[in-house]
Amino acid sequence: MLFRVSPRSPVPLGEQIAACVRGAI
């Protein structure tokens, strides 16, 4: 699983990870 973190993204890191996990499953 790759996490792409954009520092200027308004989306919290937890939400990005959750979205990544949802997309990976």
PDB file of N, CA and C in Angstrom:
ATOM      1  N   MET A   1       0.842  -1.197   0.000  1.00  0.00           N
ATOM      2  CA  MET A   1       0.000   0.000   0.000  1.00  0.00           C
ATOM      3  C   MET A   1       0.878   1.249   0.000  1.00  0.00           C
ATOM      4  N   LEU A   2       0.586   2.162  -0.905  1.00  0.00           N
ATOM      5  CA  LEU A   2       1.371   3.392  -0.955  1.00  0.00           C
ATOM      6  C   LEU A   2       0.537   4.555  -0.463  1.00  0.00           C
ATOM      7  N   PHE A   3       1.123   5.335   0.422  1.00  0.00           N
ATOM      8  CA  PHE A   3       0.401   6.510   0.930  1.00  0.00           C
ATOM      9  C   PHE A   3       0.990   7.750   0.299  1.00  0.00           C
ATOM     10  N   ARG A   4       0.151   8.488  -0.411  1.00  0.00           N
ATOM     11  CA  ARG A   4       0.635   9.743  -0.983  1.00  0.00           C
ATOM     12  C   ARG A   4       0.136  10.874  -0.106  1.00  0.00           C
ATOM     13  N   VAL A   5       1.039  11.542   0.564  1.00  0.00           N
ATOM     14  CA  VAL A   5       0.659  12.622   1.486  1.00  0.00           C
ATOM     15  C   VAL A   5       1.009  13.957   0.868  1.00  0.00           C
ATOM     16  N   SER A   6       0.004  14.780   0.644  1.00  0.00           N
ATOM     17  CA  SER A   6       0.245  16.120   0.129  1.00  0.00           C
ATOM     18  C   SER A   6       0.100  17.108   1.291  1.00  0.00           C
ATOM     19  N   PRO A   7       1.168  17.825   1.609  1.00  0.00           N
ATOM     20  CA  PRO A   7       1.184  18.727   2.758  1.00  0.00           C
ATOM     21  C   PRO A   7       0.112  19.807   2.674  1.00  0.00           C
ATOM     22  N   ARG A   8      -0.243  20.229   1.461  1.00  0.00           N
ATOM     23  CA  ARG A   8      -1.226  21.308   1.369  1.00  0.00           C
ATOM     24  C   ARG A   8      -2.634  20.773   1.231  1.00  0.00           C
ATOM     25  N   SER A   9      -2.806  19.478   1.322  1.00  0.00           N
ATOM     26  CA  SER A   9      -4.145  18.911   1.196  1.00  0.00           C
ATOM     27  C   SER A   9      -4.962  19.188   2.458  1.00  0.00           C
ATOM     28  N   PRO A  10      -6.203  19.650   2.288  1.00  0.00           N
ATOM     29  CA  PRO A  10      -7.065  19.944   3.437  1.00  0.00           C
ATOM     30  C   PRO A  10      -7.567  18.663   4.103  1.00  0.00           C
ATOM     31  N   VAL A  11      -7.331  17.532   3.464  1.00  0.00           N
ATOM     32  CA  VAL A  11      -7.801  16.262   4.005  1.00  0.00           C
ATOM     33  C   VAL A  11      -6.819  15.758   5.058  1.00  0.00           C
ATOM     34  N   PRO A  12      -7.321  15.460   6.247  1.00  0.00           N
ATOM     35  CA  PRO A  12      -6.449  14.966   7.323  1.00  0.00           C
ATOM     36  C   PRO A  12      -5.757  13.675   6.907  1.00  0.00           C
ATOM     37  N   LEU A  13      -4.585  13.412   7.501  1.00  0.00           N
ATOM     38  CA  LEU A  13      -3.813  12.223   7.157  1.00  0.00           C
ATOM     39  C   LEU A  13      -4.628  10.960   7.385  1.00  0.00           C
ATOM     40  N   GLY A  14      -5.383  10.932   8.478  1.00  0.00           N
ATOM     41  CA  GLY A  14      -6.204   9.758   8.793  1.00  0.00           C
ATOM     42  C   GLY A  14      -7.200   9.466   7.676  1.00  0.00           C
ATOM     43  N   GLU A  15      -7.781  10.527   7.115  1.00  0.00           N
ATOM     44  CA  GLU A  15      -8.753  10.337   6.035  1.00  0.00           C
ATOM     45  C   GLU A  15      -8.055   9.813   4.786  1.00  0.00           C
ATOM     46  N   GLN A  16      -6.853  10.288   4.515  1.00  0.00           N
ATOM     47  CA  GLN A  16      -6.102   9.826   3.347  1.00  0.00           C
ATOM     48  C   GLN A  16      -5.787   8.348   3.491  1.00  0.00           C
ATOM     49  N   ILE A  17      -5.379   7.943   4.690  1.00  0.00           N
ATOM     50  CA  ILE A  17      -5.052   6.537   4.934  1.00  0.00           C
ATOM     51  C   ILE A  17      -6.305   5.689   4.799  1.00  0.00           C
ATOM     52  N   ALA A  18      -7.427   6.181   5.358  1.00  0.00           N
ATOM     53  CA  ALA A  18      -8.686   5.439   5.284  1.00  0.00           C
ATOM     54  C   ALA A  18      -9.100   5.257   3.830  1.00  0.00           C
ATOM     55  N   ALA A  19      -8.935   6.304   3.028  1.00  0.00           N
ATOM     56  CA  ALA A  19      -9.293   6.228   1.615  1.00  0.00           C
ATOM     57  C   ALA A  19      -8.370   5.230   0.908  1.00  0.00           C
ATOM     58  N   CYS A  20      -7.096   5.237   1.279  1.00  0.00           N
ATOM     59  CA  CYS A  20      -6.132   4.300   0.690  1.00  0.00           C
ATOM     60  C   CYS A  20      -6.521   2.865   1.027  1.00  0.00           C
ATOM     61  N   VAL A  21      -6.872   2.650   2.283  1.00  0.00           N
ATOM     62  CA  VAL A  21      -7.240   1.305   2.726  1.00  0.00           C
ATOM     63  C   VAL A  21      -8.504   0.855   2.008  1.00  0.00           C
ATOM     64  N   ARG A  22      -9.473   1.775   1.880  1.00  0.00           N
ATOM     65  CA  ARG A  22     -10.719   1.421   1.190  1.00  0.00           C
ATOM     66  C   ARG A  22     -10.435   1.077  -0.265  1.00  0.00           C
ATOM     67  N   GLY A  23      -9.511   1.801  -0.876  1.00  0.00           N
ATOM     68  CA  GLY A  23      -9.196   1.545  -2.280  1.00  0.00           C
ATOM     69  C   GLY A  23      -8.390   0.257  -2.444  1.00  0.00           C
ATOM     70  N   ALA A  24      -7.646  -0.113  -1.400  1.00  0.00           N
ATOM     71  CA  ALA A  24      -6.790  -1.298  -1.506  1.00  0.00           C
ATOM     72  C   ALA A  24      -7.585  -2.583  -1.277  1.00  0.00           C
ATOM     73  N   ILE A  25      -8.659  -2.465  -0.537  1.00  0.00           N
ATOM     74  CA  ILE A  25      -9.461  -3.663  -0.232  1.00  0.00           C
ATOM     75  C   ILE A  25     -10.341  -4.016  -1.423  1.00  0.00           C
TER      76      ILE A  25
END
